[in-house]
């Protein structure tokens, strides 16, 4: 083991120890969000009350205002989506600690793999060029598509955006761990690798990018255990040939994830393995003790306003497909927010037809992702997660986020929701008595 790797292990161990110590002493900062000390007490910042202050007057606003003094406790209703990536580099130790401090009862590690068969926390097999500093390191030589500068016209407008593609599966675990996480972004107009690493959206921030410690799945499980939070690892897809080369089959790849949970002593009730791949979910349900809480993630086509089902299941009538899943033991479905909501002519936000169908078919529902959109100008400019309100008839400002969350919780009946800034959901969950 190199001296550099020894030093990195020492830094990680120290960070884990500090996070563990902090878990027993989180409390408010005197900004109205404080509570009693203890392992279940959390820190909430200014954002929840900022949003509540901006809400239109009404019963929901008044109810939320009444909870401003806390105390606040961790809630399984609040899931840290990639940690707390609204402001911290996703899938890093720092992002996961922030999510736990904000009261997320469950924290997500998206799972991909290294060349030497280790499972690690990244959103995709091929996202290192936008989520880490790889292009500024010698490991840029491993990228399957090297950095290509943007082509600009005479006025400086982008004709062809800058590009690169760098894969976790091209690295060993040690090489992967040598990288530093950054905000997921890139500069389309970049002419150099250093410029490419920029591009963070104005509604996010680079303020907390001074550290970005990458983790393996095993390390993320250990961190969660020290922080007292539960686990929802998502098995990500990847190049099929590479998966077969490293693991032998997709099934073995899926079982490797639950092997890691088992080896760490994670109780099945404390884990929600998830995948967009039906076969992964059925593998967990039928062959592991973690299948009872396996989550089938539903892909949603916003243009068609319909779910996307993988072959050969796409040939089945939708009702028959979902009944088959229930019969085979799948209990939890997780569509994105726009699949679960609709807006009526009078501007009311209501459950969608799919939401009603899933409940009728007997599924528990988890959804994703709140606080992942720029809502400063309402739903009309907020993109995918607010496609249920394309004209902004219902969601006109960022403070309307709590109206969306309230409909999801009370009328759709979701069990939990992923958030890029978990304190927003933690506040609501505590105020409404959700555990």
Protein backbone atom coordinates (compact mmCIF):
# COMPACT_ATOMS: atom_id res chain seq x y z
CA UNK A 1 0.00 0.00 0.00
CA UNK A 2 1.40 3.39 -0.98
CA UNK A 3 2.05 6.17 1.51
CA UNK A 4 -0.62 8.24 -0.23
CA UNK A 5 -3.24 5.50 0.22
CA UNK A 6 -2.29 5.08 3.88
CA UNK A 7 -2.78 8.80 4.39
CA UNK A 8 -6.17 8.74 2.65
CA UNK A 9 -7.30 5.82 4.82
CA UNK A 10 -6.23 7.77 7.89
CA UNK A 11 -8.14 10.86 6.77
CA UNK A 12 -11.25 8.77 6.07
CA UNK A 13 -11.06 7.03 9.44
CA UNK A 14 -10.73 10.37 11.20
CA UNK A 15 -13.69 11.80 9.27
CA UNK A 16 -15.83 8.76 10.15
CA UNK A 17 -14.92 9.14 13.81
CA UNK A 18 -15.80 12.84 13.79
CA UNK A 19 -19.11 12.13 12.05
CA UNK A 20 -19.91 9.45 14.62
CA UNK A 21 -19.17 11.80 17.50
CA UNK A 22 -21.30 14.52 15.93
CA UNK A 23 -24.27 12.16 15.59
CA UNK A 24 -24.78 12.16 19.33
CA UNK A 25 -24.71 15.92 19.76
CA UNK A 26 -26.54 17.58 16.89
CA UNK A 27 -28.71 20.44 17.97
CA UNK A 28 -30.06 23.74 16.77
CA UNK A 29 -28.08 26.92 16.25
CA UNK A 30 -30.46 29.27 18.01
CA UNK A 31 -32.29 30.12 14.79
CA UNK A 32 -35.63 28.71 15.89
CA UNK A 33 -34.80 25.20 14.75
CA UNK A 34 -33.24 23.89 17.94
CA UNK A 35 -34.33 20.95 20.01
CA UNK A 36 -33.24 18.71 22.82
CA UNK A 37 -29.81 17.16 22.54
CA UNK A 38 -29.55 13.50 21.62
CA UNK A 39 -28.75 11.04 18.86
CA UNK A 40 -32.11 11.62 17.17
CA UNK A 41 -31.92 15.41 17.30
CA UNK A 42 -30.94 17.10 14.06
CA UNK A 43 -29.74 20.41 12.69
CA UNK A 44 -32.08 22.32 10.44
CA UNK A 45 -30.92 25.47 8.72
CA UNK A 46 -32.80 28.49 7.44
CA UNK A 47 -34.28 27.02 4.26
CA UNK A 48 -37.49 25.44 5.60
CA UNK A 49 -38.64 28.66 7.26
CA UNK A 50 -37.52 30.69 4.23
CA UNK A 51 -39.87 28.60 2.08
CA UNK A 52 -42.68 28.73 4.62
CA UNK A 53 -42.41 32.52 4.91
CA UNK A 54 -42.90 32.74 1.14
CA UNK A 55 -46.05 30.60 1.05
CA UNK A 56 -49.47 32.08 0.39
CA UNK A 57 -51.52 32.37 3.56
CA UNK A 58 -53.64 29.35 4.33
CA UNK A 59 -54.05 26.32 6.62
CA UNK A 60 -50.88 24.57 5.42
CA UNK A 61 -48.69 27.63 5.98
CA UNK A 62 -50.15 28.19 9.44
CA UNK A 63 -49.67 24.54 10.37
CA UNK A 64 -46.01 24.60 9.27
CA UNK A 65 -45.36 27.89 11.07
CA UNK A 66 -46.53 26.36 14.34
CA UNK A 67 -43.66 23.85 14.23
CA UNK A 68 -40.87 26.40 13.92
CA UNK A 69 -39.45 25.79 17.40
CA UNK A 70 -39.15 22.01 16.99
CA UNK A 71 -37.79 19.80 18.38
CA UNK A 72 -36.90 17.91 15.22
CA UNK A 73 -35.92 14.27 14.92
CA UNK A 74 -34.65 12.07 12.16
CA UNK A 75 -37.39 10.70 9.89
CA UNK A 76 -37.43 7.76 7.49
CA UNK A 77 -39.87 9.81 5.39
CA UNK A 78 -36.84 11.98 4.51
CA UNK A 79 -34.33 10.24 2.19
CA UNK A 80 -31.00 11.84 1.35
CA UNK A 81 -30.81 11.63 -2.47
CA UNK A 82 -27.09 11.14 -3.20
CA UNK A 83 -26.61 12.77 0.21
CA UNK A 84 -27.37 16.50 0.15
CA UNK A 85 -26.22 17.46 -3.37
CA UNK A 86 -28.05 20.77 -3.58
CA UNK A 87 -24.88 22.19 -2.02
CA UNK A 88 -22.44 19.30 -1.40
CA UNK A 89 -20.70 17.15 -4.03
CA UNK A 90 -22.95 14.13 -4.49
CA UNK A 91 -22.00 10.69 -3.19
CA UNK A 92 -19.22 11.96 -0.97
CA UNK A 93 -18.64 11.50 2.73
CA UNK A 94 -19.35 15.19 3.25
CA UNK A 95 -22.66 15.00 1.38
CA UNK A 96 -23.79 11.93 3.32
CA UNK A 97 -22.91 13.50 6.68
CA UNK A 98 -24.83 16.65 5.70
CA UNK A 99 -27.91 14.56 4.83
CA UNK A 100 -27.81 12.76 8.16
CA UNK A 101 -27.37 16.03 10.04
CA UNK A 102 -30.43 17.36 8.23
CA UNK A 103 -32.52 14.51 9.59
CA UNK A 104 -32.62 12.07 6.69
CA UNK A 105 -33.50 8.69 8.16
CA UNK A 106 -32.26 6.95 5.02
CA UNK A 107 -29.30 7.90 2.80
CA UNK A 108 -28.73 6.72 -0.77
CA UNK A 109 -25.57 5.34 -2.33
CA UNK A 110 -25.96 4.86 -6.07
CA UNK A 111 -23.88 1.79 -6.79
CA UNK A 112 -21.52 1.20 -9.67
CA UNK A 113 -18.24 -0.72 -9.87
CA UNK A 114 -14.50 -0.56 -10.38
CA UNK A 115 -12.33 -2.58 -12.71
CA UNK A 116 -11.27 -4.84 -9.84
CA UNK A 117 -14.86 -5.66 -8.84
CA UNK A 118 -15.48 -3.28 -5.93
CA UNK A 119 -18.83 -1.53 -5.52
CA UNK A 120 -18.57 2.23 -5.12
CA UNK A 121 -20.89 5.22 -4.77
CA UNK A 122 -21.40 7.07 -8.06
CA UNK A 123 -24.57 7.91 -9.95
CA UNK A 124 -23.36 6.20 -13.12
CA UNK A 125 -20.54 4.03 -14.43
CA UNK A 126 -19.52 6.88 -16.74
CA UNK A 127 -19.93 10.16 -14.83
CA UNK A 128 -16.45 10.77 -13.40
CA UNK A 129 -15.77 13.60 -15.85
CA UNK A 130 -18.64 15.68 -14.40
CA UNK A 131 -18.62 14.57 -10.73
CA UNK A 132 -14.89 14.38 -9.93
CA UNK A 133 -11.61 16.09 -10.73
CA UNK A 134 -10.39 13.20 -12.92
CA UNK A 135 -9.64 15.43 -15.92
CA UNK A 136 -7.16 17.38 -13.79
CA UNK A 137 -5.27 14.21 -12.80
CA UNK A 138 -3.09 11.64 -14.57
CA UNK A 139 -6.09 9.29 -14.53
CA UNK A 140 -7.53 11.36 -17.38
CA UNK A 141 -5.53 8.97 -19.55
CA UNK A 142 -8.04 6.21 -18.63
CA UNK A 143 -11.06 8.09 -20.00
CA UNK A 144 -12.81 6.19 -22.80
CA UNK A 145 -13.37 9.51 -24.58
CA UNK A 146 -10.69 12.09 -23.79
CA UNK A 147 -11.49 15.72 -23.24
CA UNK A 148 -12.46 17.50 -26.46
CA UNK A 149 -12.65 21.30 -26.33
CA UNK A 150 -15.75 23.21 -27.37
CA UNK A 151 -16.04 24.65 -30.85
CA UNK A 152 -17.11 28.30 -30.72
CA UNK A 153 -18.22 30.61 -33.49
CA UNK A 154 -16.78 34.07 -34.10
CA UNK A 155 -19.13 35.54 -31.50
CA UNK A 156 -18.15 33.04 -28.82
CA UNK A 157 -21.34 31.00 -29.08
CA UNK A 158 -21.06 27.23 -28.60
CA UNK A 159 -21.27 25.32 -31.87
CA UNK A 160 -20.17 21.99 -30.42
CA UNK A 161 -20.02 21.61 -26.63
CA UNK A 162 -16.94 20.38 -24.84
CA UNK A 163 -17.08 16.68 -24.00
CA UNK A 164 -15.41 13.73 -22.28
CA UNK A 165 -16.37 10.35 -20.87
CA UNK A 166 -14.59 8.79 -17.91
CA UNK A 167 -15.69 5.51 -16.34
CA UNK A 168 -15.39 4.15 -12.85
CA UNK A 169 -15.10 0.68 -14.40
CA UNK A 170 -11.79 1.74 -15.98
CA UNK A 171 -10.22 2.31 -12.56
CA UNK A 172 -9.16 0.18 -9.62
CA UNK A 173 -10.64 0.97 -6.23
CA UNK A 174 -7.40 2.63 -5.16
CA UNK A 175 -7.40 4.83 -8.26
CA UNK A 176 -11.05 5.73 -7.74
CA UNK A 177 -10.42 6.68 -4.12
CA UNK A 178 -7.59 9.01 -5.19
CA UNK A 179 -10.10 11.32 -6.90
CA UNK A 180 -12.00 14.21 -5.33
CA UNK A 181 -15.72 14.72 -5.77
CA UNK A 182 -17.15 17.98 -7.10
CA UNK A 183 -20.58 19.36 -7.94
CA UNK A 184 -22.07 17.46 -10.88
CA UNK A 185 -21.62 19.93 -13.72
CA UNK A 186 -19.46 20.87 -16.68
CA UNK A 187 -18.77 23.97 -18.73
CA UNK A 188 -20.15 23.50 -22.26
CA UNK A 189 -17.89 26.25 -23.60
CA UNK A 190 -14.69 24.86 -22.06
CA UNK A 191 -11.51 25.05 -24.09
CA UNK A 192 -9.36 23.33 -21.44
CA UNK A 193 -9.90 20.48 -18.94
CA UNK A 194 -9.67 23.00 -16.08
CA UNK A 195 -12.49 25.05 -17.60
CA UNK A 196 -14.56 21.88 -18.18
CA UNK A 197 -14.66 21.20 -14.42
CA UNK A 198 -16.78 24.33 -13.85
CA UNK A 199 -20.37 24.98 -14.83
CA UNK A 200 -22.18 24.62 -11.49
CA UNK A 201 -25.73 25.97 -11.85
CA UNK A 202 -26.39 29.36 -10.26
CA UNK A 203 -29.02 27.94 -7.91
CA UNK A 204 -26.53 25.44 -6.49
CA UNK A 205 -23.13 26.36 -5.03
CA UNK A 206 -19.44 25.49 -4.99
CA UNK A 207 -19.13 26.72 -1.41
CA UNK A 208 -18.74 23.21 0.04
CA UNK A 209 -16.42 21.70 -2.55
CA UNK A 210 -13.24 22.13 -0.53
CA UNK A 211 -13.51 18.46 0.36
CA UNK A 212 -15.14 15.68 -1.65
CA UNK A 213 -14.19 12.29 -0.22
CA UNK A 214 -15.21 9.38 -2.45
CA UNK A 215 -16.51 6.19 -0.81
CA UNK A 216 -17.01 2.55 -1.59
CA UNK A 217 -20.42 1.04 -0.88
CA UNK A 218 -18.95 -0.71 2.14
CA UNK A 219 -17.62 2.57 3.53
CA UNK A 220 -20.97 4.28 2.94
CA UNK A 221 -22.71 1.50 4.89
CA UNK A 222 -20.23 1.91 7.72
CA UNK A 223 -20.78 5.67 7.72
CA UNK A 224 -24.57 5.23 7.82
CA UNK A 225 -24.24 2.84 10.73
CA UNK A 226 -22.12 5.31 12.66
CA UNK A 227 -24.54 8.12 11.94
CA UNK A 228 -27.59 6.05 12.86
CA UNK A 229 -29.24 6.21 9.44
CA UNK A 230 -30.57 3.46 7.17
CA UNK A 231 -29.54 2.40 3.69
CA UNK A 232 -31.02 2.58 0.21
CA UNK A 233 -28.35 1.53 -2.29
CA UNK A 234 -29.42 1.80 -5.93
CA UNK A 235 -27.81 -0.61 -8.37
CA UNK A 236 -26.99 1.37 -11.48
CA UNK A 237 -26.86 -0.04 -14.96
CA UNK A 238 -23.70 -0.08 -17.01
CA UNK A 239 -21.99 -1.52 -20.03
CA UNK A 240 -23.31 -5.09 -20.22
CA UNK A 241 -20.06 -6.54 -21.56
CA UNK A 242 -18.05 -4.94 -18.75
CA UNK A 243 -20.51 -6.16 -16.11
CA UNK A 244 -20.23 -9.68 -17.52
CA UNK A 245 -16.44 -9.46 -17.54
CA UNK A 246 -16.21 -8.22 -13.93
CA UNK A 247 -19.05 -10.14 -12.27
CA UNK A 248 -19.99 -12.93 -14.67
CA UNK A 249 -23.60 -11.77 -15.05
CA UNK A 250 -26.09 -9.05 -14.17
CA UNK A 251 -27.55 -11.39 -11.55
CA UNK A 252 -24.17 -11.76 -9.84
CA UNK A 253 -23.77 -7.98 -9.92
CA UNK A 254 -27.15 -7.56 -8.19
CA UNK A 255 -26.31 -10.20 -5.58
CA UNK A 256 -22.97 -8.52 -4.89
CA UNK A 257 -24.92 -5.52 -3.57
CA UNK A 258 -26.90 -7.58 -1.05
CA UNK A 259 -23.73 -9.52 -0.16
CA UNK A 260 -22.22 -6.19 0.96
CA UNK A 261 -25.25 -5.41 3.11
CA UNK A 262 -25.13 -8.86 4.68
CA UNK A 263 -21.38 -8.72 5.34
CA UNK A 264 -21.85 -5.40 7.15
CA UNK A 265 -24.56 -6.88 9.36
CA UNK A 266 -27.32 -4.66 7.98
CA UNK A 267 -30.75 -5.86 9.12
CA UNK A 268 -33.21 -6.36 6.24
CA UNK A 269 -35.63 -3.93 7.87
CA UNK A 270 -32.98 -1.20 7.61
CA UNK A 271 -32.29 -1.49 3.87
CA UNK A 272 -34.19 -0.67 0.70
CA UNK A 273 -32.18 -1.92 -2.31
CA UNK A 274 -33.45 -0.29 -5.48
CA UNK A 275 -33.11 -0.58 -9.23
CA UNK A 276 -34.74 0.47 -12.50
CA UNK A 277 -34.03 -3.06 -13.75
CA UNK A 278 -36.97 -5.38 -13.03
CA UNK A 279 -34.65 -8.40 -13.02
CA UNK A 280 -32.48 -6.91 -10.26
CA UNK A 281 -35.54 -6.35 -8.08
CA UNK A 282 -36.89 -9.86 -8.70
CA UNK A 283 -33.46 -11.32 -7.93
CA UNK A 284 -33.46 -9.63 -4.52
CA UNK A 285 -37.08 -10.57 -3.82
CA UNK A 286 -36.68 -14.22 -4.75
CA UNK A 287 -33.14 -14.95 -3.59
CA UNK A 288 -32.25 -12.67 -0.66
CA UNK A 289 -33.55 -11.62 2.72
CA UNK A 290 -33.48 -8.00 1.52
CA UNK A 291 -36.23 -8.50 -1.05
CA UNK A 292 -39.17 -7.56 1.14
CA UNK A 293 -38.15 -3.89 0.91
CA UNK A 294 -36.72 -3.98 -2.61
CA UNK A 295 -37.75 -0.88 -4.57
CA UNK A 296 -38.71 -0.96 -8.23
CA UNK A 297 -37.83 2.44 -9.69
CA UNK A 298 -40.13 3.50 -12.50
CA UNK A 299 -38.74 5.39 -15.46
CA UNK A 300 -41.06 8.18 -16.62
CA UNK A 301 -41.27 9.70 -20.10
CA UNK A 302 -42.38 13.27 -19.47
CA UNK A 303 -43.14 13.90 -23.15
CA UNK A 304 -45.52 10.93 -23.38
CA UNK A 305 -46.60 11.25 -19.73
CA UNK A 306 -46.27 7.54 -19.24
CA UNK A 307 -43.97 5.04 -17.60
CA UNK A 308 -41.31 3.22 -19.58
CA UNK A 309 -41.11 -0.54 -19.02
CA UNK A 310 -38.12 -2.57 -20.16
CA UNK A 311 -38.40 -5.41 -22.69
CA UNK A 312 -39.89 -7.98 -22.75
CA UNK A 313 -42.30 -6.70 -20.09
CA UNK A 314 -43.24 -3.73 -22.26
CA UNK A 315 -45.38 -6.10 -24.32
CA UNK A 316 -47.65 -6.78 -21.33
CA UNK A 317 -50.70 -4.63 -20.56
CA UNK A 318 -49.69 -2.27 -17.77
CA UNK A 319 -52.19 -3.62 -15.22
CA UNK A 320 -51.09 -7.19 -15.94
CA UNK A 321 -47.42 -6.24 -15.55
CA UNK A 322 -47.92 -4.64 -12.15
CA UNK A 323 -50.13 -7.45 -10.91
CA UNK A 324 -47.40 -9.89 -11.93
CA UNK A 325 -44.89 -7.91 -9.87
CA UNK A 326 -47.16 -7.99 -6.83
CA UNK A 327 -47.69 -11.72 -7.22
CA UNK A 328 -43.93 -12.26 -7.31
CA UNK A 329 -43.43 -10.27 -4.14
CA UNK A 330 -42.55 -6.73 -5.23
CA UNK A 331 -44.14 -4.41 -2.69
CA UNK A 332 -42.65 -0.95 -3.32
CA UNK A 333 -42.82 1.12 -6.51
CA UNK A 334 -40.96 4.42 -6.93
CA UNK A 335 -42.03 6.69 -9.78
CA UNK A 336 -40.72 10.27 -10.01
CA UNK A 337 -42.81 13.18 -8.74
CA UNK A 338 -44.28 14.17 -12.16
CA UNK A 339 -45.71 10.68 -12.62
CA UNK A 340 -47.73 10.97 -9.41
CA UNK A 341 -49.32 14.41 -9.79
CA UNK A 342 -51.63 16.34 -12.10
CA UNK A 343 -53.10 19.84 -12.12
CA UNK A 344 -56.83 20.39 -12.52
CA UNK A 345 -58.47 23.28 -14.36
CA UNK A 346 -58.92 25.25 -11.14
CA UNK A 347 -55.17 25.00 -10.40
CA UNK A 348 -55.41 22.33 -7.71
CA UNK A 349 -52.62 19.76 -7.51
CA UNK A 350 -54.12 16.26 -7.35
CA UNK A 351 -52.93 12.62 -7.53
CA UNK A 352 -52.41 11.33 -11.06
CA UNK A 353 -54.11 8.31 -12.57
CA UNK A 354 -50.91 6.30 -12.09
CA UNK A 355 -50.79 7.21 -8.41
CA UNK A 356 -54.32 5.94 -7.94
CA UNK A 357 -53.58 2.78 -9.92
CA UNK A 358 -50.46 1.91 -7.93
CA UNK A 359 -52.35 2.20 -4.67
CA UNK A 360 -55.23 0.11 -6.07
CA UNK A 361 -52.74 -2.58 -7.12
CA UNK A 362 -51.41 -2.70 -3.56
CA UNK A 363 -48.03 -0.96 -3.89
CA UNK A 364 -46.37 1.22 -1.32
CA UNK A 365 -45.04 4.32 -3.05
CA UNK A 366 -41.74 6.15 -2.68
CA UNK A 367 -40.95 9.09 -4.96
CA UNK A 368 -38.05 11.23 -6.21
CA UNK A 369 -36.71 13.95 -6.17
CA UNK A 370 -37.66 17.16 -4.37
CA UNK A 371 -35.21 20.10 -4.11
CA UNK A 372 -33.64 19.03 -7.41
CA UNK A 373 -35.12 21.85 -9.48
CA UNK A 374 -34.74 25.60 -9.75
CA UNK A 375 -38.20 26.69 -8.59
CA UNK A 376 -37.43 30.38 -8.26
CA UNK A 377 -39.55 31.06 -11.36
CA UNK A 378 -42.15 28.36 -10.81
CA UNK A 379 -42.86 25.03 -12.47
CA UNK A 380 -42.95 26.39 -16.02
CA UNK A 381 -39.15 26.77 -15.99
CA UNK A 382 -38.29 24.05 -13.47
CA UNK A 383 -37.88 21.12 -15.85
CA UNK A 384 -38.50 17.40 -15.50
CA UNK A 385 -39.65 17.12 -11.90
CA UNK A 386 -42.43 19.65 -12.42
CA UNK A 387 -43.60 18.43 -15.82
CA UNK A 388 -47.01 17.74 -14.28
CA UNK A 389 -47.52 21.54 -14.30
CA UNK A 390 -45.95 22.68 -17.59
CA UNK A 391 -47.52 26.16 -17.60
CA UNK A 392 -46.91 26.89 -13.94
CA UNK A 393 -50.62 27.14 -13.20
CA UNK A 394 -50.21 25.67 -9.71
CA UNK A 395 -46.52 25.98 -8.80
CA UNK A 396 -45.61 29.61 -9.27
CA UNK A 397 -42.65 30.02 -6.87
CA UNK A 398 -40.18 28.08 -4.77
CA UNK A 399 -42.39 28.32 -1.67
CA UNK A 400 -45.05 26.23 -3.46
CA UNK A 401 -42.72 23.27 -2.95
CA UNK A 402 -44.48 22.56 0.34
CA UNK A 403 -47.87 22.41 -1.41
CA UNK A 404 -46.44 19.75 -3.72
CA UNK A 405 -45.01 17.81 -0.80
CA UNK A 406 -48.29 18.03 1.11
CA UNK A 407 -50.30 16.53 -1.76
CA UNK A 408 -47.76 13.74 -2.17
CA UNK A 409 -47.88 12.93 1.54
CA UNK A 410 -51.58 13.31 2.33
CA UNK A 411 -53.36 12.53 -0.95
CA UNK A 412 -51.01 10.24 -2.86
CA UNK A 413 -49.92 8.60 0.40
CA UNK A 414 -46.21 8.22 -0.30
CA UNK A 415 -44.12 6.38 2.28
CA UNK A 416 -41.00 8.52 1.74
CA UNK A 417 -39.41 10.99 -0.66
CA UNK A 418 -35.87 11.55 -1.89
CA UNK A 419 -34.54 15.07 -1.47
CA UNK A 420 -31.40 16.92 -2.55
CA UNK A 421 -31.71 18.99 0.64
CA UNK A 422 -33.26 16.69 3.26
CA UNK A 423 -33.95 19.31 5.92
CA UNK A 424 -36.84 20.62 3.82
CA UNK A 425 -38.58 17.25 4.07
CA UNK A 426 -37.45 16.58 7.65
CA UNK A 427 -39.19 19.77 8.78
CA UNK A 428 -42.45 18.74 7.08
CA UNK A 429 -42.28 15.17 8.38
CA UNK A 430 -41.79 16.28 11.97
CA UNK A 431 -44.51 18.89 11.72
CA UNK A 432 -47.01 16.38 10.34
CA UNK A 433 -46.04 13.58 12.68
CA UNK A 434 -44.58 11.34 9.96
CA UNK A 435 -41.96 8.85 11.10
